[in-house]
PDB file of all heavy atoms in Angstrom:
ATOM      1  N   ARG A   1      -5.771  -2.015  17.692  1.00  0.00           N
ATOM      2  CA  ARG A   1      -4.680  -2.757  18.320  1.00  0.00           C
ATOM      3  C   ARG A   1      -4.036  -3.754  17.356  1.00  0.00           C
ATOM      4  O   ARG A   1      -2.937  -4.228  17.590  1.00  0.00           O
ATOM      5  CB  ARG A   1      -5.181  -3.495  19.565  1.00  0.00           C
ATOM      6  CG  ARG A   1      -6.221  -4.571  19.260  1.00  0.00           C
ATOM      7  CD  ARG A   1      -6.757  -5.185  20.555  1.00  0.00           C
ATOM      8  NE  ARG A   1      -7.774  -6.192  20.284  1.00  0.00           N
ATOM      9  CZ  ARG A   1      -7.511  -7.467  20.026  1.00  0.00           C
ATOM     10  NH1 ARG A   1      -6.262  -7.866  19.977  1.00  0.00           N
ATOM     11  NH2 ARG A   1      -8.478  -8.329  19.806  1.00  0.00           N
ATOM     12  N   LEU A   2      -4.714  -4.093  16.267  1.00  0.00           N
ATOM     13  CA  LEU A   2      -4.155  -5.029  15.294  1.00  0.00           C
ATOM     14  C   LEU A   2      -3.314  -4.334  14.234  1.00  0.00           C
ATOM     15  O   LEU A   2      -2.537  -4.972  13.552  1.00  0.00           O
ATOM     16  CB  LEU A   2      -5.284  -5.811  14.607  1.00  0.00           C
ATOM     17  CG  LEU A   2      -6.095  -6.772  15.491  1.00  0.00           C
ATOM     18  CD1 LEU A   2      -7.164  -7.470  14.655  1.00  0.00           C
ATOM     19  CD2 LEU A   2      -5.191  -7.809  16.146  1.00  0.00           C
ATOM     20  N   ARG A   3      -3.483  -3.053  14.089  1.00  0.00           N
ATOM     21  CA  ARG A   3      -2.802  -2.367  12.994  1.00  0.00           C
ATOM     22  C   ARG A   3      -1.289  -2.407  13.100  1.00  0.00           C
ATOM     23  O   ARG A   3      -0.619  -2.641  12.101  1.00  0.00           O
ATOM     24  CB  ARG A   3      -3.314  -0.922  12.908  1.00  0.00           C
ATOM     25  CG  ARG A   3      -4.747  -0.845  12.398  1.00  0.00           C
ATOM     26  CD  ARG A   3      -5.286   0.561  12.456  1.00  0.00           C
ATOM     27  NE  ARG A   3      -6.689   0.593  12.060  1.00  0.00           N
ATOM     28  CZ  ARG A   3      -7.489   1.639  12.222  1.00  0.00           C
ATOM     29  NH1 ARG A   3      -7.018   2.739  12.775  1.00  0.00           N
ATOM     30  NH2 ARG A   3      -8.742   1.581  11.844  1.00  0.00           N
ATOM     31  N   PRO A   4      -0.675  -2.156  14.263  1.00  0.00           N
ATOM     32  CA  PRO A   4       0.788  -2.232  14.334  1.00  0.00           C
ATOM     33  C   PRO A   4       1.323  -3.598  13.934  1.00  0.00           C
ATOM     34  O   PRO A   4       2.363  -3.695  13.282  1.00  0.00           O
ATOM     35  CB  PRO A   4       1.090  -1.908  15.799  1.00  0.00           C
ATOM     36  CG  PRO A   4      -0.085  -1.111  16.259  1.00  0.00           C
ATOM     37  CD  PRO A   4      -1.256  -1.685  15.531  1.00  0.00           C
ATOM     38  N   ARG A   5       0.610  -4.676  14.301  1.00  0.00           N
ATOM     39  CA  ARG A   5       1.079  -6.014  13.950  1.00  0.00           C
ATOM     40  C   ARG A   5       1.039  -6.228  12.448  1.00  0.00           C
ATOM     41  O   ARG A   5       1.987  -6.760  11.863  1.00  0.00           O
ATOM     42  CB  ARG A   5       0.229  -7.062  14.658  1.00  0.00           C
ATOM     43  CG  ARG A   5       0.600  -8.495  14.274  1.00  0.00           C
ATOM     44  CD  ARG A   5      -0.181  -9.513  15.085  1.00  0.00           C
ATOM     45  NE  ARG A   5       0.072 -10.848  14.579  1.00  0.00           N
ATOM     46  CZ  ARG A   5      -0.634 -11.432  13.624  1.00  0.00           C
ATOM     47  NH1 ARG A   5      -1.645 -10.777  13.056  1.00  0.00           N
ATOM     48  NH2 ARG A   5      -0.349 -12.657  13.210  1.00  0.00           N
ATOM     49  N   HIS A   6      -0.045  -5.835  11.814  1.00  0.00           N
ATOM     50  CA  HIS A   6      -0.146  -6.011  10.364  1.00  0.00           C
ATOM     51  C   HIS A   6       0.903  -5.151   9.649  1.00  0.00           C
ATOM     52  O   HIS A   6       1.481  -5.590   8.643  1.00  0.00           O
ATOM     53  CB  HIS A   6      -1.554  -5.654   9.880  1.00  0.00           C
ATOM     54  CG  HIS A   6      -2.562  -6.720  10.172  1.00  0.00           C
ATOM     55  ND1 HIS A   6      -2.898  -7.696   9.260  1.00  0.00           N
ATOM     56  CD2 HIS A   6      -3.305  -6.972  11.281  1.00  0.00           C
ATOM     57  CE1 HIS A   6      -3.809  -8.504   9.784  1.00  0.00           C
ATOM     58  NE2 HIS A   6      -4.070  -8.086  11.014  1.00  0.00           N
ATOM     59  N   LEU A   7       1.143  -3.953  10.157  1.00  0.00           N
ATOM     60  CA  LEU A   7       2.172  -3.101   9.584  1.00  0.00           C
ATOM     61  C   LEU A   7       3.544  -3.758   9.748  1.00  0.00           C
ATOM     62  O   LEU A   7       4.375  -3.739   8.830  1.00  0.00           O
ATOM     63  CB  LEU A   7       2.161  -1.731  10.254  1.00  0.00           C
ATOM     64  CG  LEU A   7       3.172  -0.700   9.741  1.00  0.00           C
ATOM     65  CD1 LEU A   7       2.942  -0.405   8.266  1.00  0.00           C
ATOM     66  CD2 LEU A   7       3.083   0.587  10.567  1.00  0.00           C
ATOM     67  N   GLY A   8       3.782  -4.354  10.915  1.00  0.00           N
ATOM     68  CA  GLY A   8       5.047  -5.040  11.153  1.00  0.00           C
ATOM     69  C   GLY A   8       5.245  -6.214  10.206  1.00  0.00           C
ATOM     70  O   GLY A   8       6.345  -6.433   9.695  1.00  0.00           O
ATOM     71  N   ILE A   9       4.178  -6.987   9.960  1.00  0.00           N
ATOM     72  CA  ILE A   9       4.260  -8.120   9.034  1.00  0.00           C
ATOM     73  C   ILE A   9       4.624  -7.630   7.637  1.00  0.00           C
ATOM     74  O   ILE A   9       5.471  -8.211   6.951  1.00  0.00           O
ATOM     75  CB  ILE A   9       2.936  -8.893   9.008  1.00  0.00           C
ATOM     76  CG1 ILE A   9       2.743  -9.632  10.338  1.00  0.00           C
ATOM     77  CG2 ILE A   9       2.890  -9.873   7.847  1.00  0.00           C
ATOM     78  CD1 ILE A   9       1.388 -10.299  10.487  1.00  0.00           C
ATOM     79  N   MET A  10       3.999  -6.534   7.200  1.00  0.00           N
ATOM     80  CA  MET A  10       4.289  -5.987   5.876  1.00  0.00           C
ATOM     81  C   MET A  10       5.742  -5.510   5.791  1.00  0.00           C
ATOM     82  O   MET A  10       6.423  -5.715   4.780  1.00  0.00           O
ATOM     83  CB  MET A  10       3.326  -4.841   5.565  1.00  0.00           C
ATOM     84  CG  MET A  10       1.883  -5.264   5.386  1.00  0.00           C
ATOM     85  SD  MET A  10       0.758  -3.849   5.230  1.00  0.00           S
ATOM     86  CE  MET A  10       1.375  -3.101   3.729  1.00  0.00           C
ATOM     87  N   MET A  11       6.228  -4.870   6.870  1.00  0.00           N
ATOM     88  CA  MET A  11       7.598  -4.354   6.851  1.00  0.00           C
ATOM     89  C   MET A  11       8.633  -5.474   6.817  1.00  0.00           C
ATOM     90  O   MET A  11       9.591  -5.421   6.038  1.00  0.00           O
ATOM     91  CB  MET A  11       7.835  -3.463   8.085  1.00  0.00           C
ATOM     92  CG  MET A  11       7.150  -2.120   8.014  1.00  0.00           C
ATOM     93  SD  MET A  11       7.431  -1.146   9.513  1.00  0.00           S
ATOM     94  CE  MET A  11       6.789   0.446   8.998  1.00  0.00           C
ATOM     95  N   VAL A  12       8.444  -6.505   7.647  1.00  0.00           N
ATOM     96  CA  VAL A  12       9.401  -7.612   7.675  1.00  0.00           C
ATOM     97  C   VAL A  12       9.358  -8.381   6.358  1.00  0.00           C
ATOM     98  O   VAL A  12      10.396  -8.837   5.854  1.00  0.00           O
ATOM     99  CB  VAL A  12       9.123  -8.539   8.881  1.00  0.00           C
ATOM    100  CG1 VAL A  12      10.034  -9.759   8.835  1.00  0.00           C
ATOM    101  CG2 VAL A  12       9.341  -7.786  10.185  1.00  0.00           C
ATOM    102  N   THR A  13       8.168  -8.523   5.785  1.00  0.00           N
ATOM    103  CA  THR A  13       8.062  -9.154   4.468  1.00  0.00           C
ATOM    104  C   THR A  13       8.822  -8.344   3.426  1.00  0.00           C
ATOM    105  O   THR A  13       9.544  -8.896   2.585  1.00  0.00           O
ATOM    106  CB  THR A  13       6.594  -9.295   4.048  1.00  0.00           C
ATOM    107  OG1 THR A  13       5.888 -10.065   5.023  1.00  0.00           O
ATOM    108  CG2 THR A  13       6.473  -9.985   2.696  1.00  0.00           C
ATOM    109  N   GLY A  14       8.680  -7.021   3.483  1.00  0.00           N
ATOM    110  CA  GLY A  14       9.410  -6.151   2.562  1.00  0.00           C
ATOM    111  C   GLY A  14      10.910  -6.282   2.733  1.00  0.00           C
ATOM    112  O   GLY A  14      11.663  -6.270   1.752  1.00  0.00           O
ATOM    113  N   SER A  15      11.367  -6.429   3.974  1.00  0.00           N
ATOM    114  CA  SER A  15      12.804  -6.576   4.210  1.00  0.00           C
ATOM    115  C   SER A  15      13.315  -7.896   3.639  1.00  0.00           C
ATOM    116  O   SER A  15      14.408  -7.956   3.070  1.00  0.00           O
ATOM    117  CB  SER A  15      13.109  -6.493   5.705  1.00  0.00           C
ATOM    118  OG  SER A  15      12.696  -7.662   6.392  1.00  0.00           O
ATOM    119  N   ALA A  16      12.518  -8.966   3.777  1.00  0.00           N
ATOM    120  CA  ALA A  16      12.920 -10.265   3.219  1.00  0.00           C
ATOM    121  C   ALA A  16      13.020 -10.195   1.699  1.00  0.00           C
ATOM    122  O   ALA A  16      13.947 -10.745   1.097  1.00  0.00           O
ATOM    123  CB  ALA A  16      11.934 -11.348   3.647  1.00  0.00           C
ATOM    124  N   VAL A  17      12.072  -9.498   1.074  1.00  0.00           N
ATOM    125  CA  VAL A  17      12.099  -9.345  -0.380  1.00  0.00           C
ATOM    126  C   VAL A  17      13.323  -8.531  -0.799  1.00  0.00           C
ATOM    127  O   VAL A  17      14.024  -8.876  -1.759  1.00  0.00           O
ATOM    128  CB  VAL A  17      10.806  -8.679  -0.881  1.00  0.00           C
ATOM    129  CG1 VAL A  17      10.901  -8.366  -2.374  1.00  0.00           C
ATOM    130  CG2 VAL A  17       9.605  -9.586  -0.612  1.00  0.00           C
ATOM    131  N   ALA A  18      13.605  -7.437  -0.067  1.00  0.00           N
ATOM    132  CA  ALA A  18      14.756  -6.595  -0.398  1.00  0.00           C
ATOM    133  C   ALA A  18      16.059  -7.377  -0.266  1.00  0.00           C
ATOM    134  O   ALA A  18      16.940  -7.312  -1.132  1.00  0.00           O
ATOM    135  CB  ALA A  18      14.781  -5.360   0.502  1.00  0.00           C
ATOM    136  N   TRP A  19      16.214  -8.131   0.811  1.00  0.00           N
ATOM    137  CA  TRP A  19      17.447  -8.895   1.022  1.00  0.00           C
ATOM    138  C   TRP A  19      17.586 -10.043   0.025  1.00  0.00           C
ATOM    139  O   TRP A  19      18.702 -10.448  -0.299  1.00  0.00           O
ATOM    140  CB  TRP A  19      17.486  -9.425   2.452  1.00  0.00           C
ATOM    141  CG  TRP A  19      17.861  -8.365   3.442  1.00  0.00           C
ATOM    142  CD1 TRP A  19      18.538  -7.213   3.193  1.00  0.00           C
ATOM    143  CD2 TRP A  19      17.587  -8.355   4.844  1.00  0.00           C
ATOM    144  NE1 TRP A  19      18.705  -6.486   4.356  1.00  0.00           N
ATOM    145  CE2 TRP A  19      18.126  -7.165   5.388  1.00  0.00           C
ATOM    146  CE3 TRP A  19      16.938  -9.232   5.716  1.00  0.00           C
ATOM    147  CZ2 TRP A  19      18.049  -6.833   6.735  1.00  0.00           C
ATOM    148  CZ3 TRP A  19      16.849  -8.908   7.056  1.00  0.00           C
ATOM    149  CH2 TRP A  19      17.404  -7.723   7.561  1.00  0.00           C
ATOM    150  N   SER A  20      16.469 -10.569  -0.459  1.00  0.00           N
ATOM    151  CA  SER A  20      16.536 -11.701  -1.378  1.00  0.00           C
ATOM    152  C   SER A  20      17.044 -11.306  -2.760  1.00  0.00           C
ATOM    153  O   SER A  20      17.315 -12.174  -3.587  1.00  0.00           O
ATOM    154  CB  SER A  20      15.155 -12.357  -1.511  1.00  0.00           C
ATOM    155  OG  SER A  20      14.254 -11.525  -2.236  1.00  0.00           O
ATOM    156  N   THR A  21      17.167 -10.001  -3.025  1.00  0.00           N
ATOM    157  CA  THR A  21      17.629  -9.549  -4.347  1.00  0.00           C
ATOM    158  C   THR A  21      19.152  -9.514  -4.463  1.00  0.00           C
ATOM    159  O   THR A  21      19.671  -9.144  -5.523  1.00  0.00           O
ATOM    160  CB  THR A  21      17.090  -8.135  -4.656  1.00  0.00           C
ATOM    161  OG1 THR A  21      17.573  -7.212  -3.658  1.00  0.00           O
ATOM    162  CG2 THR A  21      15.572  -8.112  -4.660  1.00  0.00           C
ATOM    163  N   THR A  22      19.873  -9.905  -3.413  1.00  0.00           N
ATOM    164  CA  THR A  22      21.339  -9.834  -3.457  1.00  0.00           C
ATOM    165  C   THR A  22      21.903 -10.637  -4.626  1.00  0.00           C
ATOM    166  O   THR A  22      22.745 -10.157  -5.386  1.00  0.00           O
ATOM    167  CB  THR A  22      21.939 -10.352  -2.141  1.00  0.00           C
ATOM    168  OG1 THR A  22      21.351  -9.661  -1.041  1.00  0.00           O
ATOM    169  CG2 THR A  22      23.446 -10.137  -2.111  1.00  0.00           C
ATOM    170  N   GLY A  23      21.444 -11.872  -4.773  1.00  0.00           N
ATOM    171  CA  GLY A  23      21.925 -12.704  -5.872  1.00  0.00           C
ATOM    172  C   GLY A  23      21.582 -12.128  -7.228  1.00  0.00           C
ATOM    173  O   GLY A  23      22.374 -12.222  -8.173  1.00  0.00           O
ATOM    174  N   LEU A  24      20.405 -11.518  -7.326  1.00  0.00           N
ATOM    175  CA  LEU A  24      19.989 -10.918  -8.597  1.00  0.00           C
ATOM    176  C   LEU A  24      20.925  -9.782  -8.997  1.00  0.00           C
ATOM    177  O   LEU A  24      21.360  -9.683 -10.150  1.00  0.00           O
ATOM    178  CB  LEU A  24      18.554 -10.408  -8.470  1.00  0.00           C
ATOM    179  CG  LEU A  24      17.910  -9.800  -9.714  1.00  0.00           C
ATOM    180  CD1 LEU A  24      17.838 -10.815 -10.834  1.00  0.00           C
ATOM    181  CD2 LEU A  24      16.517  -9.272  -9.388  1.00  0.00           C
ATOM    182  N   PHE A  25      21.261  -8.910  -8.040  1.00  0.00           N
ATOM    183  CA  PHE A  25      22.161  -7.793  -8.331  1.00  0.00           C
ATOM    184  C   PHE A  25      23.565  -8.278  -8.690  1.00  0.00           C
ATOM    185  O   PHE A  25      24.204  -7.747  -9.605  1.00  0.00           O
ATOM    186  CB  PHE A  25      22.224  -6.832  -7.148  1.00  0.00           C
ATOM    187  CG  PHE A  25      21.074  -5.870  -7.072  1.00  0.00           C
ATOM    188  CD1 PHE A  25      20.111  -5.986  -6.083  1.00  0.00           C
ATOM    189  CD2 PHE A  25      20.941  -4.842  -7.996  1.00  0.00           C
ATOM    190  CE1 PHE A  25      19.048  -5.089  -6.007  1.00  0.00           C
ATOM    191  CE2 PHE A  25      19.896  -3.949  -7.943  1.00  0.00           C
ATOM    192  CZ  PHE A  25      18.936  -4.068  -6.945  1.00  0.00           C
ATOM    193  N   THR A  26      24.058  -9.283  -7.963  1.00  0.00           N
ATOM    194  CA  THR A  26      25.413  -9.758  -8.240  1.00  0.00           C
ATOM    195  C   THR A  26      25.507 -10.420  -9.609  1.00  0.00           C
ATOM    196  O   THR A  26      26.562 -10.397 -10.255  1.00  0.00           O
ATOM    197  CB  THR A  26      25.878 -10.753  -7.162  1.00  0.00           C
ATOM    198  OG1 THR A  26      24.940 -11.822  -7.052  1.00  0.00           O
ATOM    199  CG2 THR A  26      26.006 -10.059  -5.817  1.00  0.00           C
ATOM    200  N   ARG A  27      24.420 -11.030 -10.056  1.00  0.00           N
ATOM    201  CA  ARG A  27      24.420 -11.625 -11.392  1.00  0.00           C
ATOM    202  C   ARG A  27      24.271 -10.554 -12.476  1.00  0.00           C
ATOM    203  O   ARG A  27      24.828 -10.670 -13.570  1.00  0.00           O
ATOM    204  CB  ARG A  27      23.273 -12.626 -11.521  1.00  0.00           C
ATOM    205  CG  ARG A  27      23.441 -13.901 -10.731  1.00  0.00           C
ATOM    206  CD  ARG A  27      24.564 -14.763 -11.276  1.00  0.00           C
ATOM    207  NE  ARG A  27      24.590 -16.073 -10.636  1.00  0.00           N
ATOM    208  CZ  ARG A  27      25.231 -16.352  -9.516  1.00  0.00           C
ATOM    209  NH1 ARG A  27      25.913 -15.384  -8.903  1.00  0.00           N
ATOM    210  NH2 ARG A  27      25.222 -17.571  -9.006  1.00  0.00           N
ATOM    211  N   ALA A  28      23.520  -9.489 -12.182  1.00  0.00           N
ATOM    212  CA  ALA A  28      23.207  -8.483 -13.208  1.00  0.00           C
ATOM    213  C   ALA A  28      24.349  -7.496 -13.439  1.00  0.00           C
ATOM    214  O   ALA A  28      24.449  -6.924 -14.529  1.00  0.00           O
ATOM    215  CB  ALA A  28      21.949  -7.718 -12.816  1.00  0.00           C
ATOM    216  N   LEU A  29      25.203  -7.292 -12.440  1.00  0.00           N
ATOM    217  CA  LEU A  29      26.264  -6.288 -12.553  1.00  0.00           C
ATOM    218  C   LEU A  29      27.560  -6.935 -13.028  1.00  0.00           C
ATOM    219  O   LEU A  29      28.162  -7.741 -12.304  1.00  0.00           O
ATOM    220  CB  LEU A  29      26.478  -5.602 -11.193  1.00  0.00           C
ATOM    221  CG  LEU A  29      25.391  -4.606 -10.798  1.00  0.00           C
ATOM    222  CD1 LEU A  29      25.426  -4.331  -9.303  1.00  0.00           C
ATOM    223  CD2 LEU A  29      25.559  -3.305 -11.585  1.00  0.00           C
ATOM    224  N   PRO A  30      28.032  -6.588 -14.232  1.00  0.00           N
ATOM    225  CA  PRO A  30      29.243  -7.201 -14.788  1.00  0.00           C
ATOM    226  C   PRO A  30      30.523  -6.537 -14.293  1.00  0.00           C
ATOM    227  O   PRO A  30      31.356  -6.070 -15.078  1.00  0.00           O
ATOM    228  CB  PRO A  30      29.053  -7.003 -16.292  1.00  0.00           C
ATOM    229  CG  PRO A  30      28.310  -5.717 -16.404  1.00  0.00           C
ATOM    230  CD  PRO A  30      27.399  -5.659 -15.193  1.00  0.00           C
ATOM    231  N   LEU A  31      30.690  -6.479 -12.978  1.00  0.00           N
ATOM    232  CA  LEU A  31      31.884  -5.881 -12.376  1.00  0.00           C
ATOM    233  C   LEU A  31      32.627  -6.945 -11.589  1.00  0.00           C
ATOM    234  O   LEU A  31      32.045  -7.970 -11.198  1.00  0.00           O
ATOM    235  CB  LEU A  31      31.500  -4.728 -11.443  1.00  0.00           C
ATOM    236  CG  LEU A  31      30.743  -3.545 -12.051  1.00  0.00           C
ATOM    237  CD1 LEU A  31      30.388  -2.552 -10.957  1.00  0.00           C
ATOM    238  CD2 LEU A  31      31.569  -2.869 -13.130  1.00  0.00           C
ATOM    239  N   ASP A  32      33.913  -6.699 -11.331  1.00  0.00           N
ATOM    240  CA  ASP A  32      34.640  -7.616 -10.478  1.00  0.00           C
ATOM    241  C   ASP A  32      34.098  -7.528  -9.056  1.00  0.00           C
ATOM    242  O   ASP A  32      33.452  -6.546  -8.664  1.00  0.00           O
ATOM    243  CB  ASP A  32      36.134  -7.281 -10.502  1.00  0.00           C
ATOM    244  CG  ASP A  32      36.417  -5.900  -9.957  1.00  0.00           C
ATOM    245  OD1 ASP A  32      36.285  -4.921 -10.739  1.00  0.00           O
ATOM    246  OD2 ASP A  32      36.725  -5.783  -8.766  1.00  0.00           O
ATOM    247  N   THR A  33      34.347  -8.574  -8.291  1.00  0.00           N
ATOM    248  CA  THR A  33      33.778  -8.672  -6.946  1.00  0.00           C
ATOM    249  C   THR A  33      34.228  -7.518  -6.052  1.00  0.00           C
ATOM    250  O   THR A  33      33.436  -6.965  -5.277  1.00  0.00           O
ATOM    251  CB  THR A  33      34.173 -10.009  -6.301  1.00  0.00           C
ATOM    252  OG1 THR A  33      33.761 -11.082  -7.146  1.00  0.00           O
ATOM    253  CG2 THR A  33      33.506 -10.168  -4.942  1.00  0.00           C
ATOM    254  N   GLY A  34      35.516  -7.120  -6.156  1.00  0.00           N
ATOM    255  CA  GLY A  34      36.008  -6.021  -5.334  1.00  0.00           C
ATOM    256  C   GLY A  34      35.285  -4.723  -5.607  1.00  0.00           C
ATOM    257  O   GLY A  34      34.861  -4.025  -4.676  1.00  0.00           O
ATOM    258  N   SER A  35      35.119  -4.379  -6.883  1.00  0.00           N
ATOM    259  CA  SER A  35      34.415  -3.139  -7.242  1.00  0.00           C
ATOM    260  C   SER A  35      32.961  -3.187  -6.796  1.00  0.00           C
ATOM    261  O   SER A  35      32.398  -2.190  -6.321  1.00  0.00           O
ATOM    262  CB  SER A  35      34.496  -2.920  -8.758  1.00  0.00           C
ATOM    263  OG  SER A  35      35.838  -2.799  -9.178  1.00  0.00           O
ATOM    264  N   LEU A  36      32.343  -4.349  -6.952  1.00  0.00           N
ATOM    265  CA  LEU A  36      30.945  -4.507  -6.541  1.00  0.00           C
ATOM    266  C   LEU A  36      30.793  -4.262  -5.037  1.00  0.00           C
ATOM    267  O   LEU A  36      29.876  -3.559  -4.600  1.00  0.00           O
ATOM    268  CB  LEU A  36      30.471  -5.911  -6.901  1.00  0.00           C
ATOM    269  CG  LEU A  36      28.985  -6.217  -6.720  1.00  0.00           C
ATOM    270  CD1 LEU A  36      28.140  -5.375  -7.652  1.00  0.00           C
ATOM    271  CD2 LEU A  36      28.721  -7.699  -6.960  1.00  0.00           C
ATOM    272  N   LEU A  37      31.719  -4.790  -4.258  1.00  0.00           N
ATOM    273  CA  LEU A  37      31.671  -4.606  -2.810  1.00  0.00           C
ATOM    274  C   LEU A  37      31.919  -3.158  -2.417  1.00  0.00           C
ATOM    275  O   LEU A  37      31.278  -2.635  -1.496  1.00  0.00           O
ATOM    276  CB  LEU A  37      32.705  -5.514  -2.145  1.00  0.00           C
ATOM    277  CG  LEU A  37      32.309  -6.988  -1.995  1.00  0.00           C
ATOM    278  CD1 LEU A  37      33.530  -7.845  -1.721  1.00  0.00           C
ATOM    279  CD2 LEU A  37      31.282  -7.142  -0.874  1.00  0.00           C
TER     280      LEU A  37
END
């Protein structure tokens, strides 16, 4: 009964990590804002 909760914690943590890379990508890509979008 605890496994779904632990899996959920791992998934939401993964989503936070994935979303936190937005600034990293925008800094790393030398394109204009329109092309990037």
